[in-house]
Amino acid sequence: MVVGVAKVQLFIPENRSLKGKRQVVKSLLRQINGRFKNVSVAEVDDQDLWQRAQIGLTTVGSDQRFINSLLDRALDYIEAYGGVEVIETKIEIISL
């Protein structure tokens, strides 16, 4: 079994409130869920900051190359998503 985990720190430059941040983050999470069926995603930190967000992605499978590729594609999608800037990403692949 192979588990892939990614943590993404985002900056939301056009945002002016927590309500606006929630709209942007929820929209992004819905888009990721719709596009990448085998990836789970959630906001994992910085919930009280209105221009920053951290989201976590995870997926499980049997092929390390596939898991890594899937997370890379999801991260590419986030980087191309309008309204957010990726500050930092961390990926970890765990073989159990």
PDB file of N, CA and C in Angstrom:
ATOM      1  N   MET A   1       0.843  -1.167   0.000  1.00  0.00           N
ATOM      2  CA  MET A   1       0.000   0.000   0.000  1.00  0.00           C
ATOM      3  C   MET A   1       0.893   1.236   0.000  1.00  0.00           C
ATOM      4  N   VAL A   2       0.503   2.220  -0.802  1.00  0.00           N
ATOM      5  CA  VAL A   2       1.237   3.473  -0.907  1.00  0.00           C
ATOM      6  C   VAL A   2       0.280   4.614  -0.575  1.00  0.00           C
ATOM      7  N   VAL A   3       0.719   5.499   0.326  1.00  0.00           N
ATOM      8  CA  VAL A   3      -0.076   6.656   0.718  1.00  0.00           C
ATOM      9  C   VAL A   3       0.673   7.907   0.287  1.00  0.00           C
ATOM     10  N   GLY A   4      -0.021   8.783  -0.408  1.00  0.00           N
ATOM     11  CA  GLY A   4       0.560  10.062  -0.811  1.00  0.00           C
ATOM     12  C   GLY A   4      -0.115  11.192  -0.057  1.00  0.00           C
ATOM     13  N   VAL A   5       0.694  12.089   0.494  1.00  0.00           N
ATOM     14  CA  VAL A   5       0.185  13.212   1.276  1.00  0.00           C
ATOM     15  C   VAL A   5       0.849  14.484   0.759  1.00  0.00           C
ATOM     16  N   ALA A   6       0.049  15.529   0.582  1.00  0.00           N
ATOM     17  CA  ALA A   6       0.594  16.824   0.181  1.00  0.00           C
ATOM     18  C   ALA A   6      -0.009  17.914   1.053  1.00  0.00           C
ATOM     19  N   LYS A   7       0.814  18.887   1.398  1.00  0.00           N
ATOM     20  CA  LYS A   7       0.352  20.055   2.142  1.00  0.00           C
ATOM     21  C   LYS A   7       0.686  21.277   1.304  1.00  0.00           C
ATOM     22  N   VAL A   8      -0.300  22.130   1.107  1.00  0.00           N
ATOM     23  CA  VAL A   8      -0.138  23.287   0.236  1.00  0.00           C
ATOM     24  C   VAL A   8      -0.494  24.547   1.018  1.00  0.00           C
ATOM     25  N   GLN A   9       0.433  25.488   1.052  1.00  0.00           N
ATOM     26  CA  GLN A   9       0.162  26.776   1.689  1.00  0.00           C
ATOM     27  C   GLN A   9      -0.191  27.772   0.590  1.00  0.00           C
ATOM     28  N   LEU A  10      -1.337  28.437   0.762  1.00  0.00           N
ATOM     29  CA  LEU A  10      -1.856  29.351  -0.250  1.00  0.00           C
ATOM     30  C   LEU A  10      -1.915  30.779   0.268  1.00  0.00           C
ATOM     31  N   PHE A  11      -1.764  31.724  -0.650  1.00  0.00           N
ATOM     32  CA  PHE A  11      -1.979  33.140  -0.388  1.00  0.00           C
ATOM     33  C   PHE A  11      -3.126  33.573  -1.285  1.00  0.00           C
ATOM     34  N   ILE A  12      -4.082  34.291  -0.710  1.00  0.00           N
ATOM     35  CA  ILE A  12      -5.263  34.741  -1.455  1.00  0.00           C
ATOM     36  C   ILE A  12      -5.202  36.269  -1.500  1.00  0.00           C
ATOM     37  N   PRO A  13      -4.532  36.844  -2.514  1.00  0.00           N
ATOM     38  CA  PRO A  13      -4.220  38.273  -2.501  1.00  0.00           C
ATOM     39  C   PRO A  13      -5.429  39.208  -2.612  1.00  0.00           C
ATOM     40  N   GLU A  14      -6.452  38.826  -3.308  1.00  0.00           N
ATOM     41  CA  GLU A  14      -7.602  39.706  -3.534  1.00  0.00           C
ATOM     42  C   GLU A  14      -8.633  39.630  -2.416  1.00  0.00           C
ATOM     43  N   ASN A  15      -8.405  38.820  -1.437  1.00  0.00           N
ATOM     44  CA  ASN A  15      -9.383  38.592  -0.376  1.00  0.00           C
ATOM     45  C   ASN A  15      -9.327  39.678   0.685  1.00  0.00           C
ATOM     46  N   ARG A  16     -10.506  40.026   1.236  1.00  0.00           N
ATOM     47  CA  ARG A  16     -10.576  41.071   2.261  1.00  0.00           C
ATOM     48  C   ARG A  16     -11.295  40.634   3.533  1.00  0.00           C
ATOM     49  N   SER A  17     -11.720  39.364   3.616  1.00  0.00           N
ATOM     50  CA  SER A  17     -12.450  38.914   4.806  1.00  0.00           C
ATOM     51  C   SER A  17     -12.382  37.399   4.928  1.00  0.00           C
ATOM     52  N   LEU A  18     -12.723  36.895   6.119  1.00  0.00           N
ATOM     53  CA  LEU A  18     -12.791  35.440   6.310  1.00  0.00           C
ATOM     54  C   LEU A  18     -13.906  34.836   5.466  1.00  0.00           C
ATOM     55  N   LYS A  19     -15.011  35.556   5.313  1.00  0.00           N
ATOM     56  CA  LYS A  19     -16.119  35.065   4.484  1.00  0.00           C
ATOM     57  C   LYS A  19     -15.670  34.907   3.027  1.00  0.00           C
ATOM     58  N   GLY A  20     -14.948  35.876   2.517  1.00  0.00           N
ATOM     59  CA  GLY A  20     -14.430  35.780   1.153  1.00  0.00           C
ATOM     60  C   GLY A  20     -13.440  34.637   1.008  1.00  0.00           C
ATOM     61  N   LYS A  21     -12.605  34.448   2.027  1.00  0.00           N
ATOM     62  CA  LYS A  21     -11.646  33.342   2.002  1.00  0.00           C
ATOM     63  C   LYS A  21     -12.368  32.010   1.949  1.00  0.00           C
ATOM     64  N   ARG A  22     -13.409  31.866   2.788  1.00  0.00           N
ATOM     65  CA  ARG A  22     -14.164  30.607   2.797  1.00  0.00           C
ATOM     66  C   ARG A  22     -14.751  30.309   1.424  1.00  0.00           C
ATOM     67  N   GLN A  23     -15.242  31.328   0.738  1.00  0.00           N
ATOM     68  CA  GLN A  23     -15.804  31.121  -0.596  1.00  0.00           C
ATOM     69  C   GLN A  23     -14.742  30.625  -1.577  1.00  0.00           C
ATOM     70  N   VAL A  24     -13.572  31.248  -1.540  1.00  0.00           N
ATOM     71  CA  VAL A  24     -12.487  30.850  -2.447  1.00  0.00           C
ATOM     72  C   VAL A  24     -12.023  29.431  -2.136  1.00  0.00           C
ATOM     73  N   VAL A  25     -11.769  29.144  -0.855  1.00  0.00           N
ATOM     74  CA  VAL A  25     -11.249  27.833  -0.464  1.00  0.00           C
ATOM     75  C   VAL A  25     -12.277  26.738  -0.742  1.00  0.00           C
ATOM     76  N   LYS A  26     -13.541  26.967  -0.385  1.00  0.00           N
ATOM     77  CA  LYS A  26     -14.567  25.948  -0.646  1.00  0.00           C
ATOM     78  C   LYS A  26     -14.717  25.672  -2.132  1.00  0.00           C
ATOM     79  N   SER A  27     -14.657  26.715  -2.941  1.00  0.00           N
ATOM     80  CA  SER A  27     -14.737  26.532  -4.385  1.00  0.00           C
ATOM     81  C   SER A  27     -13.563  25.700  -4.889  1.00  0.00           C
ATOM     82  N   LEU A  28     -12.368  26.005  -4.423  1.00  0.00           N
ATOM     83  CA  LEU A  28     -11.187  25.244  -4.828  1.00  0.00           C
ATOM     84  C   LEU A  28     -11.308  23.785  -4.407  1.00  0.00           C
ATOM     85  N   LEU A  29     -11.738  23.533  -3.178  1.00  0.00           N
ATOM     86  CA  LEU A  29     -11.883  22.158  -2.696  1.00  0.00           C
ATOM     87  C   LEU A  29     -12.917  21.392  -3.513  1.00  0.00           C
ATOM     88  N   ARG A  30     -14.036  22.041  -3.847  1.00  0.00           N
ATOM     89  CA  ARG A  30     -15.052  21.387  -4.697  1.00  0.00           C
ATOM     90  C   ARG A  30     -14.486  21.048  -6.065  1.00  0.00           C
ATOM     91  N   GLN A  31     -13.722  21.964  -6.638  1.00  0.00           N
ATOM     92  CA  GLN A  31     -13.125  21.723  -7.958  1.00  0.00           C
ATOM     93  C   GLN A  31     -12.159  20.538  -7.908  1.00  0.00           C
ATOM     94  N   ILE A  32     -11.338  20.481  -6.876  1.00  0.00           N
ATOM     95  CA  ILE A  32     -10.391  19.367  -6.747  1.00  0.00           C
ATOM     96  C   ILE A  32     -11.144  18.055  -6.571  1.00  0.00           C
ATOM     97  N   ASN A  33     -12.169  18.047  -5.698  1.00  0.00           N
ATOM     98  CA  ASN A  33     -12.965  16.830  -5.491  1.00  0.00           C
ATOM     99  C   ASN A  33     -13.630  16.363  -6.771  1.00  0.00           C
ATOM    100  N   GLY A  34     -14.100  17.288  -7.571  1.00  0.00           N
ATOM    101  CA  GLY A  34     -14.758  16.927  -8.824  1.00  0.00           C
ATOM    102  C   GLY A  34     -13.805  16.430  -9.886  1.00  0.00           C
ATOM    103  N   ARG A  35     -12.621  16.980  -9.921  1.00  0.00           N
ATOM    104  CA  ARG A  35     -11.658  16.650 -10.966  1.00  0.00           C
ATOM    105  C   ARG A  35     -10.809  15.435 -10.633  1.00  0.00           C
ATOM    106  N   PHE A  36     -10.458  15.264  -9.365  1.00  0.00           N
ATOM    107  CA  PHE A  36      -9.570  14.182  -8.940  1.00  0.00           C
ATOM    108  C   PHE A  36     -10.336  13.288  -7.970  1.00  0.00           C
ATOM    109  N   LYS A  37     -11.016  12.292  -8.495  1.00  0.00           N
ATOM    110  CA  LYS A  37     -11.904  11.436  -7.699  1.00  0.00           C
ATOM    111  C   LYS A  37     -11.171  10.630  -6.632  1.00  0.00           C
ATOM    112  N   ASN A  38      -9.908  10.312  -6.840  1.00  0.00           N
ATOM    113  CA  ASN A  38      -9.160   9.496  -5.886  1.00  0.00           C
ATOM    114  C   ASN A  38      -8.365  10.319  -4.876  1.00  0.00           C
ATOM    115  N   VAL A  39      -8.608  11.623  -4.821  1.00  0.00           N
ATOM    116  CA  VAL A  39      -7.880  12.501  -3.911  1.00  0.00           C
ATOM    117  C   VAL A  39      -8.855  13.081  -2.896  1.00  0.00           C
ATOM    118  N   SER A  40      -8.497  12.989  -1.626  1.00  0.00           N
ATOM    119  CA  SER A  40      -9.258  13.651  -0.566  1.00  0.00           C
ATOM    120  C   SER A  40      -8.556  14.959  -0.250  1.00  0.00           C
ATOM    121  N   VAL A  41      -9.337  16.007  -0.001  1.00  0.00           N
ATOM    122  CA  VAL A  41      -8.761  17.321   0.236  1.00  0.00           C
ATOM    123  C   VAL A  41      -9.552  18.038   1.322  1.00  0.00           C
ATOM    124  N   ALA A  42      -8.831  18.825   2.145  1.00  0.00           N
ATOM    125  CA  ALA A  42      -9.477  19.594   3.210  1.00  0.00           C
ATOM    126  C   ALA A  42      -8.590  20.772   3.584  1.00  0.00           C
ATOM    127  N   GLU A  43      -9.214  21.805   4.139  1.00  0.00           N
ATOM    128  CA  GLU A  43      -8.452  22.900   4.719  1.00  0.00           C
ATOM    129  C   GLU A  43      -7.936  22.408   6.070  1.00  0.00           C
ATOM    130  N   VAL A  44      -6.634  22.514   6.305  1.00  0.00           N
ATOM    131  CA  VAL A  44      -6.049  21.896   7.495  1.00  0.00           C
ATOM    132  C   VAL A  44      -5.426  22.878   8.487  1.00  0.00           C
ATOM    133  N   ASP A  45      -5.250  24.141   8.101  1.00  0.00           N
ATOM    134  CA  ASP A  45      -4.641  25.105   9.019  1.00  0.00           C
ATOM    135  C   ASP A  45      -4.908  26.520   8.516  1.00  0.00           C
ATOM    136  N   ASP A  46      -4.578  27.496   9.335  1.00  0.00           N
ATOM    137  CA  ASP A  46      -4.744  28.921   9.032  1.00  0.00           C
ATOM    138  C   ASP A  46      -6.199  29.318   8.802  1.00  0.00           C
ATOM    139  N   GLN A  47      -7.133  28.659   9.478  1.00  0.00           N
ATOM    140  CA  GLN A  47      -8.547  28.978   9.297  1.00  0.00           C
ATOM    141  C   GLN A  47      -8.891  30.391   9.751  1.00  0.00           C
ATOM    142  N   ASP A  48      -8.111  30.964  10.663  1.00  0.00           N
ATOM    143  CA  ASP A  48      -8.419  32.290  11.191  1.00  0.00           C
ATOM    144  C   ASP A  48      -7.691  33.423  10.461  1.00  0.00           C
ATOM    145  N   LEU A  49      -6.905  33.106   9.441  1.00  0.00           N
ATOM    146  CA  LEU A  49      -6.208  34.129   8.651  1.00  0.00           C
ATOM    147  C   LEU A  49      -6.960  34.361   7.348  1.00  0.00           C
ATOM    148  N   TRP A  50      -7.239  35.605   7.014  1.00  0.00           N
ATOM    149  CA  TRP A  50      -8.107  35.875   5.871  1.00  0.00           C
ATOM    150  C   TRP A  50      -7.412  35.920   4.524  1.00  0.00           C
ATOM    151  N   GLN A  51      -6.083  35.934   4.470  1.00  0.00           N
ATOM    152  CA  GLN A  51      -5.403  35.896   3.183  1.00  0.00           C
ATOM    153  C   GLN A  51      -4.524  34.664   3.010  1.00  0.00           C
ATOM    154  N   ARG A  52      -4.562  33.759   3.959  1.00  0.00           N
ATOM    155  CA  ARG A  52      -3.765  32.532   3.864  1.00  0.00           C
ATOM    156  C   ARG A  52      -4.641  31.321   4.145  1.00  0.00           C
ATOM    157  N   ALA A  53      -4.261  30.219   3.512  1.00  0.00           N
ATOM    158  CA  ALA A  53      -4.949  28.952   3.751  1.00  0.00           C
ATOM    159  C   ALA A  53      -3.937  27.829   3.570  1.00  0.00           C
ATOM    160  N   GLN A  54      -4.147  26.757   4.302  1.00  0.00           N
ATOM    161  CA  GLN A  54      -3.359  25.551   4.087  1.00  0.00           C
ATOM    162  C   GLN A  54      -4.337  24.420   3.825  1.00  0.00           C
ATOM    163  N   ILE A  55      -4.084  23.713   2.731  1.00  0.00           N
ATOM    164  CA  ILE A  55      -4.935  22.571   2.416  1.00  0.00           C
ATOM    165  C   ILE A  55      -4.076  21.317   2.364  1.00  0.00           C
ATOM    166  N   GLY A  56      -4.688  20.207   2.723  1.00  0.00           N
ATOM    167  CA  GLY A  56      -4.031  18.917   2.679  1.00  0.00           C
ATOM    168  C   GLY A  56      -4.708  18.027   1.662  1.00  0.00           C
ATOM    169  N   LEU A  57      -3.916  17.271   0.937  1.00  0.00           N
ATOM    170  CA  LEU A  57      -4.424  16.319  -0.041  1.00  0.00           C
ATOM    171  C   LEU A  57      -3.844  14.953   0.297  1.00  0.00           C
ATOM    172  N   THR A  58      -4.622  13.921   0.074  1.00  0.00           N
ATOM    173  CA  THR A  58      -4.118  12.569   0.289  1.00  0.00           C
ATOM    174  C   THR A  58      -4.771  11.610  -0.691  1.00  0.00           C
ATOM    175  N   THR A  59      -4.041  10.563  -1.003  1.00  0.00           N
ATOM    176  CA  THR A  59      -4.552   9.506  -1.856  1.00  0.00           C
ATOM    177  C   THR A  59      -3.840   8.200  -1.500  1.00  0.00           C
ATOM    178  N   VAL A  60      -4.499   7.102  -1.784  1.00  0.00           N
ATOM    179  CA  VAL A  60      -3.972   5.778  -1.445  1.00  0.00           C
ATOM    180  C   VAL A  60      -4.056   4.901  -2.692  1.00  0.00           C
ATOM    181  N   GLY A  61      -3.050   4.065  -2.882  1.00  0.00           N
ATOM    182  CA  GLY A  61      -3.057   3.153  -4.013  1.00  0.00           C
ATOM    183  C   GLY A  61      -1.969   2.108  -3.860  1.00  0.00           C
ATOM    184  N   SER A  62      -1.690   1.423  -4.964  1.00  0.00           N
ATOM    185  CA  SER A  62      -0.689   0.363  -4.918  1.00  0.00           C
ATOM    186  C   SER A  62       0.563   0.690  -5.732  1.00  0.00           C
ATOM    187  N   ASP A  63       0.517   1.763  -6.531  1.00  0.00           N
ATOM    188  CA  ASP A  63       1.637   2.109  -7.406  1.00  0.00           C
ATOM    189  C   ASP A  63       2.180   3.480  -7.030  1.00  0.00           C
ATOM    190  N   GLN A  64       3.433   3.514  -6.581  1.00  0.00           N
ATOM    191  CA  GLN A  64       4.031   4.762  -6.121  1.00  0.00           C
ATOM    192  C   GLN A  64       4.091   5.809  -7.232  1.00  0.00           C
ATOM    193  N   ARG A  65       4.428   5.406  -8.447  1.00  0.00           N
ATOM    194  CA  ARG A  65       4.499   6.361  -9.552  1.00  0.00           C
ATOM    195  C   ARG A  65       3.144   6.991  -9.834  1.00  0.00           C
ATOM    196  N   PHE A  66       2.079   6.178  -9.789  1.00  0.00           N
ATOM    197  CA  PHE A  66       0.732   6.700 -10.019  1.00  0.00           C
ATOM    198  C   PHE A  66       0.336   7.696  -8.926  1.00  0.00           C
ATOM    199  N   ILE A  67       0.605   7.362  -7.668  1.00  0.00           N
ATOM    200  CA  ILE A  67       0.268   8.240  -6.545  1.00  0.00           C
ATOM    201  C   ILE A  67       1.010   9.565  -6.679  1.00  0.00           C
ATOM    202  N   ASN A  68       2.289   9.507  -6.964  1.00  0.00           N
ATOM    203  CA  ASN A  68       3.089  10.720  -7.128  1.00  0.00           C
ATOM    204  C   ASN A  68       2.571  11.562  -8.298  1.00  0.00           C
ATOM    205  N   SER A  69       2.259  10.915  -9.401  1.00  0.00           N
ATOM    206  CA  SER A  69       1.736  11.613 -10.577  1.00  0.00           C
ATOM    207  C   SER A  69       0.395  12.278 -10.283  1.00  0.00           C
ATOM    208  N   LEU A  70      -0.469  11.577  -9.569  1.00  0.00           N
ATOM    209  CA  LEU A  70      -1.785  12.117  -9.232  1.00  0.00           C
ATOM    210  C   LEU A  70      -1.655  13.364  -8.359  1.00  0.00           C
ATOM    211  N   LEU A  71      -0.809  13.307  -7.349  1.00  0.00           N
ATOM    212  CA  LEU A  71      -0.596  14.484  -6.503  1.00  0.00           C
ATOM    213  C   LEU A  71       0.041  15.625  -7.283  1.00  0.00           C
ATOM    214  N   ASP A  72       0.984  15.319  -8.167  1.00  0.00           N
ATOM    215  CA  ASP A  72       1.603  16.358  -8.994  1.00  0.00           C
ATOM    216  C   ASP A  72       0.565  17.050  -9.874  1.00  0.00           C
ATOM    217  N   ARG A  73      -0.344  16.273 -10.464  1.00  0.00           N
ATOM    218  CA  ARG A  73      -1.389  16.869 -11.308  1.00  0.00           C
ATOM    219  C   ARG A  73      -2.333  17.734 -10.485  1.00  0.00           C
ATOM    220  N   ALA A  74      -2.662  17.282  -9.284  1.00  0.00           N
ATOM    221  CA  ALA A  74      -3.535  18.072  -8.412  1.00  0.00           C
ATOM    222  C   ALA A  74      -2.840  19.378  -8.012  1.00  0.00           C
ATOM    223  N   LEU A  75      -1.554  19.322  -7.711  1.00  0.00           N
ATOM    224  CA  LEU A  75      -0.814  20.533  -7.363  1.00  0.00           C
ATOM    225  C   LEU A  75      -0.698  21.483  -8.554  1.00  0.00           C
ATOM    226  N   ASP A  76      -0.499  20.941  -9.749  1.00  0.00           N
ATOM    227  CA  ASP A  76      -0.488  21.775 -10.954  1.00  0.00           C
ATOM    228  C   ASP A  76      -1.826  22.474 -11.140  1.00  0.00           C
ATOM    229  N   TYR A  77      -2.912  21.758 -10.866  1.00  0.00           N
ATOM    230  CA  TYR A  77      -4.246  22.338 -10.978  1.00  0.00           C
ATOM    231  C   TYR A  77      -4.415  23.491  -9.988  1.00  0.00           C
ATOM    232  N   ILE A  78      -3.950  23.303  -8.758  1.00  0.00           N
ATOM    233  CA  ILE A  78      -4.053  24.354  -7.747  1.00  0.00           C
ATOM    234  C   ILE A  78      -3.242  25.579  -8.166  1.00  0.00           C
ATOM    235  N   GLU A  79      -2.040  25.369  -8.699  1.00  0.00           N
ATOM    236  CA  GLU A  79      -1.205  26.481  -9.129  1.00  0.00           C
ATOM    237  C   GLU A  79      -1.845  27.268 -10.268  1.00  0.00           C
ATOM    238  N   ALA A  80      -2.616  26.606 -11.121  1.00  0.00           N
ATOM    239  CA  ALA A  80      -3.271  27.272 -12.246  1.00  0.00           C
ATOM    240  C   ALA A  80      -4.618  27.890 -11.856  1.00  0.00           C
ATOM    241  N   TYR A  81      -5.110  27.557 -10.673  1.00  0.00           N
ATOM    242  CA  TYR A  81      -6.418  28.043 -10.220  1.00  0.00           C
ATOM    243  C   TYR A  81      -6.353  29.548  -9.979  1.00  0.00           C
ATOM    244  N   GLY A  82      -7.318  30.264 -10.478  1.00  0.00           N
ATOM    245  CA  GLY A  82      -7.338  31.713 -10.336  1.00  0.00           C
ATOM    246  C   GLY A  82      -7.686  32.151  -8.923  1.00  0.00           C
ATOM    247  N   GLY A  83      -7.077  33.237  -8.488  1.00  0.00           N
ATOM    248  CA  GLY A  83      -7.406  33.805  -7.195  1.00  0.00           C
ATOM    249  C   GLY A  83      -6.552  33.350  -6.040  1.00  0.00           C
ATOM    250  N   VAL A  84      -5.690  32.366  -6.259  1.00  0.00           N
ATOM    251  CA  VAL A  84      -4.792  31.904  -5.196  1.00  0.00           C
ATOM    252  C   VAL A  84      -3.368  31.806  -5.736  1.00  0.00           C
ATOM    253  N   GLU A  85      -2.428  32.016  -4.835  1.00  0.00           N
ATOM    254  CA  GLU A  85      -1.015  31.829  -5.168  1.00  0.00           C
ATOM    255  C   GLU A  85      -0.445  30.766  -4.240  1.00  0.00           C
ATOM    256  N   VAL A  86       0.285  29.823  -4.800  1.00  0.00           N
ATOM    257  CA  VAL A  86       0.907  28.774  -3.997  1.00  0.00           C
ATOM    258  C   VAL A  86       2.202  29.317  -3.412  1.00  0.00           C
ATOM    259  N   ILE A  87       2.301  29.301  -2.088  1.00  0.00           N
ATOM    260  CA  ILE A  87       3.499  29.767  -1.395  1.00  0.00           C
ATOM    261  C   ILE A  87       4.480  28.618  -1.211  1.00  0.00           C
ATOM    262  N   GLU A  88       3.957  27.468  -0.781  1.00  0.00           N
ATOM    263  CA  GLU A  88       4.822  26.332  -0.481  1.00  0.00           C
ATOM    264  C   GLU A  88       4.037  25.034  -0.635  1.00  0.00           C
ATOM    265  N   THR A  89       4.715  24.002  -1.100  1.00  0.00           N
ATOM    266  CA  THR A  89       4.113  22.671  -1.165  1.00  0.00           C
ATOM    267  C   THR A  89       5.085  21.655  -0.567  1.00  0.00           C
ATOM    268  N   LYS A  90       4.517  20.665   0.075  1.00  0.00           N
ATOM    269  CA  LYS A  90       5.299  19.538   0.593  1.00  0.00           C
ATOM    270  C   LYS A  90       4.569  18.268   0.214  1.00  0.00           C
ATOM    271  N   ILE A  91       5.303  17.319  -0.335  1.00  0.00           N
ATOM    272  CA  ILE A  91       4.738  16.016  -0.699  1.00  0.00           C
ATOM    273  C   ILE A  91       5.510  14.933   0.020  1.00  0.00           C
ATOM    274  N   GLU A  92       4.757  13.953   0.518  1.00  0.00           N
ATOM    275  CA  GLU A  92       5.398  12.787   1.138  1.00  0.00           C
ATOM    276  C   GLU A  92       4.688  11.542   0.614  1.00  0.00           C
ATOM    277  N   ILE A  93       5.488  10.583   0.182  1.00  0.00           N
ATOM    278  CA  ILE A  93       4.981   9.298  -0.290  1.00  0.00           C
ATOM    279  C   ILE A  93       5.429   8.249   0.732  1.00  0.00           C
ATOM    280  N   ILE A  94       4.457   7.519   1.280  1.00  0.00           N
ATOM    281  CA  ILE A  94       4.742   6.540   2.323  1.00  0.00           C
ATOM    282  C   ILE A  94       4.353   5.152   1.813  1.00  0.00           C
ATOM    283  N   SER A  95       5.299   4.237   1.835  1.00  0.00           N
ATOM    284  CA  SER A  95       5.028   2.846   1.453  1.00  0.00           C
ATOM    285  C   SER A  95       4.870   2.021   2.720  1.00  0.00           C
ATOM    286  N   LEU A  96       3.745   1.352   2.841  1.00  0.00           N
ATOM    287  CA  LEU A  96       3.485   0.534   4.013  1.00  0.00           C
ATOM    288  C   LEU A  96       3.460  -0.942   3.650  1.00  0.00           C
TER     289      LEU A  96
END
